[in-house]
Each structure stands twice: as structure tokens, then as C-alpha cells.
Amino acid sequence: MLIDCDACVMRGPGCQDCVVTVVLGFSAERAGTLRIDDDEKAALDALAESGLVPPLRLVHAVSSIDPETPDGEGETVVGLG
């Protein structure tokens, strides 16, 4: 999964309660991308569902984003916030 903070419409107000800011160390001011694999995404989802960390607040401005990476098998491409 490619997390792209620059492409997220929640960037700014959603950053304070996003797993990327809280756990992974991105700041609201720091733009960039982060790549996590499917196992890491599943682990973060499990922690969020149990209430131990906030969920990924990633929301794209457009609904038609190609979910496949050209070089990453088993990865999903999304933006982040």
C-alpha cells in the first residue's frame, strides 16, 4: 500500500487522528509517501479496530484511482492523510 499524504483530502484536519501521524511518525506539515505491505496494513487495521491506535484517515479526492502498483505484487496504492 502506498500512502500519499499529498493526495489525501483529510490532510490537515484529519492528520491529528490518523495512524500515520500518531504511530508512524508523519507530521501534518510533512508531506510525502509511505509504503507498507499487506501484512503491515492488516496489523494496523487490527490495532485500530481494537481501539489501540487511530485508523488510517486516508481519503482521495477522486474515486477512480488504479489500485495496482506497477512493480508491487500484493500491494494496493492509495493516498494518505
PDB file of N, CA and C in Angstrom:
ATOM      1  N   MET A   1       0.856  -1.169   0.000  1.00  0.00           N
ATOM      2  CA  MET A   1       0.000   0.000   0.000  1.00  0.00           C
ATOM      3  C   MET A   1       0.899   1.227   0.000  1.00  0.00           C
ATOM      4  N   LEU A   2       0.613   2.136  -0.886  1.00  0.00           N
ATOM      5  CA  LEU A   2       1.340   3.394  -0.941  1.00  0.00           C
ATOM      6  C   LEU A   2       0.452   4.458  -0.323  1.00  0.00           C
ATOM      7  N   ILE A   3       0.919   5.053   0.731  1.00  0.00           N
ATOM      8  CA  ILE A   3       0.178   6.105   1.431  1.00  0.00           C
ATOM      9  C   ILE A   3       0.769   7.435   0.989  1.00  0.00           C
ATOM     10  N   ASP A   4      -0.047   8.273   0.375  1.00  0.00           N
ATOM     11  CA  ASP A   4       0.406   9.557  -0.153  1.00  0.00           C
ATOM     12  C   ASP A   4      -0.355  10.683   0.531  1.00  0.00           C
ATOM     13  N   CYS A   5       0.268  11.327   1.476  1.00  0.00           N
ATOM     14  CA  CYS A   5      -0.375  12.409   2.235  1.00  0.00           C
ATOM     15  C   CYS A   5      -0.787  13.580   1.348  1.00  0.00           C
ATOM     16  N   ASP A   6      -0.024  13.836   0.291  1.00  0.00           N
ATOM     17  CA  ASP A   6      -0.341  14.950  -0.605  1.00  0.00           C
ATOM     18  C   ASP A   6      -1.662  14.732  -1.341  1.00  0.00           C
ATOM     19  N   ALA A   7      -2.070  13.485  -1.532  1.00  0.00           N
ATOM     20  CA  ALA A   7      -3.290  13.174  -2.277  1.00  0.00           C
ATOM     21  C   ALA A   7      -4.512  13.023  -1.379  1.00  0.00           C
ATOM     22  N   CYS A   8      -4.358  13.185  -0.092  1.00  0.00           N
ATOM     23  CA  CYS A   8      -5.459  12.956   0.851  1.00  0.00           C
ATOM     24  C   CYS A   8      -6.247  14.238   1.117  1.00  0.00           C
ATOM     25  N   VAL A   9      -7.567  14.162   0.973  1.00  0.00           N
ATOM     26  CA  VAL A   9      -8.404  15.338   1.248  1.00  0.00           C
ATOM     27  C   VAL A   9      -8.561  15.586   2.746  1.00  0.00           C
ATOM     28  N   MET A  10      -8.199  14.624   3.571  1.00  0.00           N
ATOM     29  CA  MET A  10      -8.268  14.794   5.023  1.00  0.00           C
ATOM     30  C   MET A  10      -7.005  15.442   5.580  1.00  0.00           C
ATOM     31  N   ARG A  11      -6.037  15.709   4.723  1.00  0.00           N
ATOM     32  CA  ARG A  11      -4.784  16.297   5.177  1.00  0.00           C
ATOM     33  C   ARG A  11      -5.060  17.614   5.896  1.00  0.00           C
ATOM     34  N   GLY A  12      -4.470  17.752   7.044  1.00  0.00           N
ATOM     35  CA  GLY A  12      -4.715  18.914   7.893  1.00  0.00           C
ATOM     36  C   GLY A  12      -5.612  18.518   9.039  1.00  0.00           C
ATOM     37  N   PRO A  13      -6.951  18.631   8.876  1.00  0.00           N
ATOM     38  CA  PRO A  13      -7.844  18.322   9.993  1.00  0.00           C
ATOM     39  C   PRO A  13      -7.853  16.841  10.378  1.00  0.00           C
ATOM     40  N   GLY A  14      -7.613  15.936   9.428  1.00  0.00           N
ATOM     41  CA  GLY A  14      -7.646  14.512   9.738  1.00  0.00           C
ATOM     42  C   GLY A  14      -6.332  13.962  10.235  1.00  0.00           C
ATOM     43  N   CYS A  15      -5.258  14.717  10.113  1.00  0.00           N
ATOM     44  CA  CYS A  15      -3.932  14.218  10.478  1.00  0.00           C
ATOM     45  C   CYS A  15      -3.787  13.936  11.972  1.00  0.00           C
ATOM     46  N   GLN A  16      -4.435  14.721  12.808  1.00  0.00           N
ATOM     47  CA  GLN A  16      -4.289  14.560  14.247  1.00  0.00           C
ATOM     48  C   GLN A  16      -4.779  13.213  14.738  1.00  0.00           C
ATOM     49  N   ASP A  17      -5.735  12.626  14.015  1.00  0.00           N
ATOM     50  CA  ASP A  17      -6.313  11.359  14.440  1.00  0.00           C
ATOM     51  C   ASP A  17      -6.127  10.284  13.370  1.00  0.00           C
ATOM     52  N   CYS A  18      -4.951  10.274  12.756  1.00  0.00           N
ATOM     53  CA  CYS A  18      -4.634   9.295  11.719  1.00  0.00           C
ATOM     54  C   CYS A  18      -3.468   8.437  12.205  1.00  0.00           C
ATOM     55  N   VAL A  19      -3.526   7.152  11.929  1.00  0.00           N
ATOM     56  CA  VAL A  19      -2.473   6.241  12.369  1.00  0.00           C
ATOM     57  C   VAL A  19      -1.101   6.645  11.826  1.00  0.00           C
ATOM     58  N   VAL A  20      -1.049   7.258  10.682  1.00  0.00           N
ATOM     59  CA  VAL A  20       0.239   7.658  10.107  1.00  0.00           C
ATOM     60  C   VAL A  20       0.900   8.734  10.962  1.00  0.00           C
ATOM     61  N   THR A  21       0.138   9.676  11.448  1.00  0.00           N
ATOM     62  CA  THR A  21       0.683  10.729  12.299  1.00  0.00           C
ATOM     63  C   THR A  21       0.983  10.200  13.696  1.00  0.00           C
ATOM     64  N   VAL A  22       0.035   9.476  14.274  1.00  0.00           N
ATOM     65  CA  VAL A  22       0.145   9.047  15.665  1.00  0.00           C
ATOM     66  C   VAL A  22       1.185   7.946  15.859  1.00  0.00           C
ATOM     67  N   VAL A  23       1.155   6.926  15.030  1.00  0.00           N
ATOM     68  CA  VAL A  23       2.027   5.765  15.238  1.00  0.00           C
ATOM     69  C   VAL A  23       3.270   5.785  14.357  1.00  0.00           C
ATOM     70  N   LEU A  24       3.104   6.149  13.105  1.00  0.00           N
ATOM     71  CA  LEU A  24       4.205   6.034  12.158  1.00  0.00           C
ATOM     72  C   LEU A  24       5.087   7.271  12.092  1.00  0.00           C
ATOM     73  N   GLY A  25       4.699   8.346  12.764  1.00  0.00           N
ATOM     74  CA  GLY A  25       5.578   9.486  12.923  1.00  0.00           C
ATOM     75  C   GLY A  25       5.529  10.572  11.877  1.00  0.00           C
ATOM     76  N   PHE A  26       4.632  10.506  10.900  1.00  0.00           N
ATOM     77  CA  PHE A  26       4.495  11.618   9.965  1.00  0.00           C
ATOM     78  C   PHE A  26       3.862  12.780  10.723  1.00  0.00           C
ATOM     79  N   SER A  27       4.221  13.993  10.372  1.00  0.00           N
ATOM     80  CA  SER A  27       3.570  15.154  10.959  1.00  0.00           C
ATOM     81  C   SER A  27       2.620  15.745   9.930  1.00  0.00           C
ATOM     82  N   ALA A  28       1.683  16.558  10.399  1.00  0.00           N
ATOM     83  CA  ALA A  28       0.721  17.189   9.499  1.00  0.00           C
ATOM     84  C   ALA A  28       1.430  18.077   8.476  1.00  0.00           C
ATOM     85  N   GLU A  29       2.565  18.635   8.848  1.00  0.00           N
ATOM     86  CA  GLU A  29       3.306  19.514   7.946  1.00  0.00           C
ATOM     87  C   GLU A  29       4.174  18.740   6.963  1.00  0.00           C
ATOM     88  N   ARG A  30       4.521  17.536   7.306  1.00  0.00           N
ATOM     89  CA  ARG A  30       5.419  16.748   6.456  1.00  0.00           C
ATOM     90  C   ARG A  30       4.628  16.037   5.375  1.00  0.00           C
ATOM     91  N   ALA A  31       4.844  16.404   4.172  1.00  0.00           N
ATOM     92  CA  ALA A  31       4.203  15.735   3.044  1.00  0.00           C
ATOM     93  C   ALA A  31       5.103  14.607   2.580  1.00  0.00           C
ATOM     94  N   GLY A  32       4.520  13.647   1.981  1.00  0.00           N
ATOM     95  CA  GLY A  32       5.333  12.576   1.447  1.00  0.00           C
ATOM     96  C   GLY A  32       4.534  11.312   1.263  1.00  0.00           C
ATOM     97  N   THR A  33       5.259  10.252   0.990  1.00  0.00           N
ATOM     98  CA  THR A  33       4.616   8.967   0.795  1.00  0.00           C
ATOM     99  C   THR A  33       5.255   7.932   1.695  1.00  0.00           C
ATOM    100  N   LEU A  34       4.504   6.901   1.947  1.00  0.00           N
ATOM    101  CA  LEU A  34       4.954   5.803   2.778  1.00  0.00           C
ATOM    102  C   LEU A  34       4.430   4.524   2.158  1.00  0.00           C
ATOM    103  N   ARG A  35       5.259   3.504   2.078  1.00  0.00           N
ATOM    104  CA  ARG A  35       4.824   2.223   1.521  1.00  0.00           C
ATOM    105  C   ARG A  35       4.794   1.193   2.640  1.00  0.00           C
ATOM    106  N   ILE A  36       3.639   0.544   2.801  1.00  0.00           N
ATOM    107  CA  ILE A  36       3.517  -0.560   3.747  1.00  0.00           C
ATOM    108  C   ILE A  36       2.956  -1.758   2.994  1.00  0.00           C
ATOM    109  N   ASP A  37       3.323  -2.962   3.424  1.00  0.00           N
ATOM    110  CA  ASP A  37       2.830  -4.149   2.734  1.00  0.00           C
ATOM    111  C   ASP A  37       1.480  -4.575   3.317  1.00  0.00           C
ATOM    112  N   ASP A  38       0.879  -5.589   2.719  1.00  0.00           N
ATOM    113  CA  ASP A  38      -0.454  -6.033   3.132  1.00  0.00           C
ATOM    114  C   ASP A  38      -0.483  -6.528   4.577  1.00  0.00           C
ATOM    115  N   ASP A  39       0.579  -7.194   5.034  1.00  0.00           N
ATOM    116  CA  ASP A  39       0.633  -7.675   6.417  1.00  0.00           C
ATOM    117  C   ASP A  39       0.693  -6.511   7.402  1.00  0.00           C
ATOM    118  N   GLU A  40       1.473  -5.486   7.076  1.00  0.00           N
ATOM    119  CA  GLU A  40       1.547  -4.301   7.935  1.00  0.00           C
ATOM    120  C   GLU A  40       0.206  -3.575   7.968  1.00  0.00           C
ATOM    121  N   LYS A  41      -0.454  -3.473   6.813  1.00  0.00           N
ATOM    122  CA  LYS A  41      -1.774  -2.837   6.745  1.00  0.00           C
ATOM    123  C   LYS A  41      -2.771  -3.607   7.602  1.00  0.00           C
ATOM    124  N   ALA A  42      -2.747  -4.948   7.521  1.00  0.00           N
ATOM    125  CA  ALA A  42      -3.646  -5.780   8.321  1.00  0.00           C
ATOM    126  C   ALA A  42      -3.381  -5.596   9.817  1.00  0.00           C
ATOM    127  N   ALA A  43      -2.113  -5.492  10.196  1.00  0.00           N
ATOM    128  CA  ALA A  43      -1.770  -5.286  11.605  1.00  0.00           C
ATOM    129  C   ALA A  43      -2.265  -3.926  12.096  1.00  0.00           C
ATOM    130  N   LEU A  44      -2.063  -2.872  11.294  1.00  0.00           N
ATOM    131  CA  LEU A  44      -2.558  -1.544  11.676  1.00  0.00           C
ATOM    132  C   LEU A  44      -4.082  -1.521  11.761  1.00  0.00           C
ATOM    133  N   ASP A  45      -4.755  -2.221  10.823  1.00  0.00           N
ATOM    134  CA  ASP A  45      -6.218  -2.310  10.854  1.00  0.00           C
ATOM    135  C   ASP A  45      -6.696  -3.022  12.119  1.00  0.00           C
ATOM    136  N   ALA A  46      -6.018  -4.101  12.506  1.00  0.00           N
ATOM    137  CA  ALA A  46      -6.394  -4.845  13.708  1.00  0.00           C
ATOM    138  C   ALA A  46      -6.211  -3.988  14.961  1.00  0.00           C
ATOM    139  N   LEU A  47      -5.116  -3.251  15.021  1.00  0.00           N
ATOM    140  CA  LEU A  47      -4.898  -2.357  16.160  1.00  0.00           C
ATOM    141  C   LEU A  47      -5.954  -1.261  16.214  1.00  0.00           C
ATOM    142  N   ALA A  48      -6.318  -0.721  15.059  1.00  0.00           N
ATOM    143  CA  ALA A  48      -7.339   0.331  15.007  1.00  0.00           C
ATOM    144  C   ALA A  48      -8.712  -0.213  15.405  1.00  0.00           C
ATOM    145  N   GLU A  49      -9.050  -1.400  14.918  1.00  0.00           N
ATOM    146  CA  GLU A  49     -10.347  -1.992  15.251  1.00  0.00           C
ATOM    147  C   GLU A  49     -10.477  -2.293  16.738  1.00  0.00           C
ATOM    148  N   SER A  50      -9.366  -2.569  17.408  1.00  0.00           N
ATOM    149  CA  SER A  50      -9.402  -2.843  18.841  1.00  0.00           C
ATOM    150  C   SER A  50      -9.313  -1.564  19.673  1.00  0.00           C
ATOM    151  N   GLY A  51      -9.137  -0.416  19.014  1.00  0.00           N
ATOM    152  CA  GLY A  51      -9.105   0.865  19.710  1.00  0.00           C
ATOM    153  C   GLY A  51      -7.743   1.256  20.250  1.00  0.00           C
ATOM    154  N   LEU A  52      -6.695   0.533  19.883  1.00  0.00           N
ATOM    155  CA  LEU A  52      -5.362   0.841  20.398  1.00  0.00           C
ATOM    156  C   LEU A  52      -4.670   1.966  19.647  1.00  0.00           C
ATOM    157  N   VAL A  53      -5.008   2.159  18.385  1.00  0.00           N
ATOM    158  CA  VAL A  53      -4.468   3.250  17.578  1.00  0.00           C
ATOM    159  C   VAL A  53      -5.607   3.826  16.740  1.00  0.00           C
ATOM    160  N   PRO A  54      -5.459   5.059  16.279  1.00  0.00           N
ATOM    161  CA  PRO A  54      -6.486   5.596  15.377  1.00  0.00           C
ATOM    162  C   PRO A  54      -6.399   4.912  14.016  1.00  0.00           C
ATOM    163  N   PRO A  55      -7.481   4.932  13.253  1.00  0.00           N
ATOM    164  CA  PRO A  55      -7.459   4.312  11.921  1.00  0.00           C
ATOM    165  C   PRO A  55      -6.739   5.184  10.901  1.00  0.00           C
ATOM    166  N   LEU A  56      -6.498   4.602   9.752  1.00  0.00           N
ATOM    167  CA  LEU A  56      -5.969   5.344   8.615  1.00  0.00           C
ATOM    168  C   LEU A  56      -7.083   6.251   8.114  1.00  0.00           C
ATOM    169  N   ARG A  57      -6.856   7.545   8.062  1.00  0.00           N
ATOM    170  CA  ARG A  57      -7.874   8.526   7.660  1.00  0.00           C
ATOM    171  C   ARG A  57      -7.773   8.900   6.191  1.00  0.00           C
ATOM    172  N   LEU A  58      -7.131   8.091   5.416  1.00  0.00           N
ATOM    173  CA  LEU A  58      -6.887   8.362   4.008  1.00  0.00           C
ATOM    174  C   LEU A  58      -8.178   8.470   3.205  1.00  0.00           C
ATOM    175  N   VAL A  59      -8.342   9.586   2.504  1.00  0.00           N
ATOM    176  CA  VAL A  59      -9.488   9.800   1.622  1.00  0.00           C
ATOM    177  C   VAL A  59      -8.974  10.493   0.362  1.00  0.00           C
ATOM    178  N   HIS A  60      -9.251   9.898  -0.795  1.00  0.00           N
ATOM    179  CA  HIS A  60      -8.856  10.501  -2.065  1.00  0.00           C
ATOM    180  C   HIS A  60      -9.895  11.496  -2.541  1.00  0.00           C
ATOM    181  N   ALA A  61      -9.446  12.503  -3.259  1.00  0.00           N
ATOM    182  CA  ALA A  61     -10.346  13.498  -3.820  1.00  0.00           C
ATOM    183  C   ALA A  61     -11.121  12.952  -5.009  1.00  0.00           C
ATOM    184  N   VAL A  62     -10.613  11.911  -5.628  1.00  0.00           N
ATOM    185  CA  VAL A  62     -11.286  11.279  -6.761  1.00  0.00           C
ATOM    186  C   VAL A  62     -11.568   9.827  -6.410  1.00  0.00           C
ATOM    187  N   SER A  63     -12.603   9.273  -7.010  1.00  0.00           N
ATOM    188  CA  SER A  63     -12.977   7.909  -6.667  1.00  0.00           C
ATOM    189  C   SER A  63     -12.367   6.863  -7.583  1.00  0.00           C
ATOM    190  N   SER A  64     -11.737   7.258  -8.659  1.00  0.00           N
ATOM    191  CA  SER A  64     -11.200   6.276  -9.598  1.00  0.00           C
ATOM    192  C   SER A  64      -9.678   6.295  -9.601  1.00  0.00           C
ATOM    193  N   ILE A  65      -9.097   5.622  -8.631  1.00  0.00           N
ATOM    194  CA  ILE A  65      -7.650   5.515  -8.532  1.00  0.00           C
ATOM    195  C   ILE A  65      -7.282   4.065  -8.790  1.00  0.00           C
ATOM    196  N   ASP A  66      -6.325   3.848  -9.660  1.00  0.00           N
ATOM    197  CA  ASP A  66      -5.897   2.498 -10.004  1.00  0.00           C
ATOM    198  C   ASP A  66      -5.323   1.821  -8.768  1.00  0.00           C
ATOM    199  N   PRO A  67      -5.926   0.709  -8.318  1.00  0.00           N
ATOM    200  CA  PRO A  67      -5.485   0.064  -7.084  1.00  0.00           C
ATOM    201  C   PRO A  67      -4.236  -0.794  -7.230  1.00  0.00           C
ATOM    202  N   GLU A  68      -3.657  -0.877  -8.380  1.00  0.00           N
ATOM    203  CA  GLU A  68      -2.491  -1.736  -8.579  1.00  0.00           C
ATOM    204  C   GLU A  68      -1.230  -0.908  -8.747  1.00  0.00           C
ATOM    205  N   THR A  69      -0.149  -1.370  -8.144  1.00  0.00           N
ATOM    206  CA  THR A  69       1.140  -0.738  -8.369  1.00  0.00           C
ATOM    207  C   THR A  69       1.814  -1.450  -9.520  1.00  0.00           C
ATOM    208  N   PRO A  70       2.567  -0.756 -10.346  1.00  0.00           N
ATOM    209  CA  PRO A  70       3.210  -1.407 -11.480  1.00  0.00           C
ATOM    210  C   PRO A  70       4.284  -2.402 -11.058  1.00  0.00           C
ATOM    211  N   ASP A  71       4.913  -2.191  -9.906  1.00  0.00           N
ATOM    212  CA  ASP A  71       6.011  -3.062  -9.508  1.00  0.00           C
ATOM    213  C   ASP A  71       5.733  -3.858  -8.248  1.00  0.00           C
ATOM    214  N   GLY A  72       4.587  -3.682  -7.611  1.00  0.00           N
ATOM    215  CA  GLY A  72       4.364  -4.325  -6.329  1.00  0.00           C
ATOM    216  C   GLY A  72       3.243  -5.336  -6.348  1.00  0.00           C
ATOM    217  N   GLU A  73       3.603  -6.574  -6.306  1.00  0.00           N
ATOM    218  CA  GLU A  73       2.587  -7.620  -6.243  1.00  0.00           C
ATOM    219  C   GLU A  73       2.080  -7.687  -4.814  1.00  0.00           C
ATOM    220  N   GLY A  74       0.760  -7.783  -4.650  1.00  0.00           N
ATOM    221  CA  GLY A  74       0.183  -7.852  -3.318  1.00  0.00           C
ATOM    222  C   GLY A  74       0.128  -6.526  -2.608  1.00  0.00           C
ATOM    223  N   GLU A  75       0.212  -5.431  -3.345  1.00  0.00           N
ATOM    224  CA  GLU A  75       0.136  -4.102  -2.749  1.00  0.00           C
ATOM    225  C   GLU A  75      -1.032  -3.341  -3.357  1.00  0.00           C
ATOM    226  N   THR A  76      -1.561  -2.399  -2.608  1.00  0.00           N
ATOM    227  CA  THR A  76      -2.621  -1.528  -3.090  1.00  0.00           C
ATOM    228  C   THR A  76      -2.115  -0.105  -2.994  1.00  0.00           C
ATOM    229  N   VAL A  77      -2.421   0.708  -3.975  1.00  0.00           N
ATOM    230  CA  VAL A  77      -1.978   2.104  -3.977  1.00  0.00           C
ATOM    231  C   VAL A  77      -3.131   2.974  -3.534  1.00  0.00           C
ATOM    232  N   VAL A  78      -2.884   3.785  -2.504  1.00  0.00           N
ATOM    233  CA  VAL A  78      -3.866   4.743  -2.026  1.00  0.00           C
ATOM    234  C   VAL A  78      -3.125   5.968  -1.541  1.00  0.00           C
ATOM    235  N   GLY A  79      -3.815   7.066  -1.377  1.00  0.00           N
ATOM    236  CA  GLY A  79      -3.216   8.275  -0.814  1.00  0.00           C
ATOM    237  C   GLY A  79      -3.432   8.311   0.674  1.00  0.00           C
ATOM    238  N   LEU A  80      -2.837   9.240   1.402  1.00  0.00           N
ATOM    239  CA  LEU A  80      -2.913   9.244   2.846  1.00  0.00           C
ATOM    240  C   LEU A  80      -3.113  10.614   3.448  1.00  0.00           C
ATOM    241  N   GLY A  81      -3.680  10.642   4.648  1.00  0.00           N
ATOM    242  CA  GLY A  81      -3.867  11.906   5.342  1.00  0.00           C
ATOM    243  C   GLY A  81      -3.770  11.848   6.774  1.00  0.00           C
TER     244      GLY A  81
END
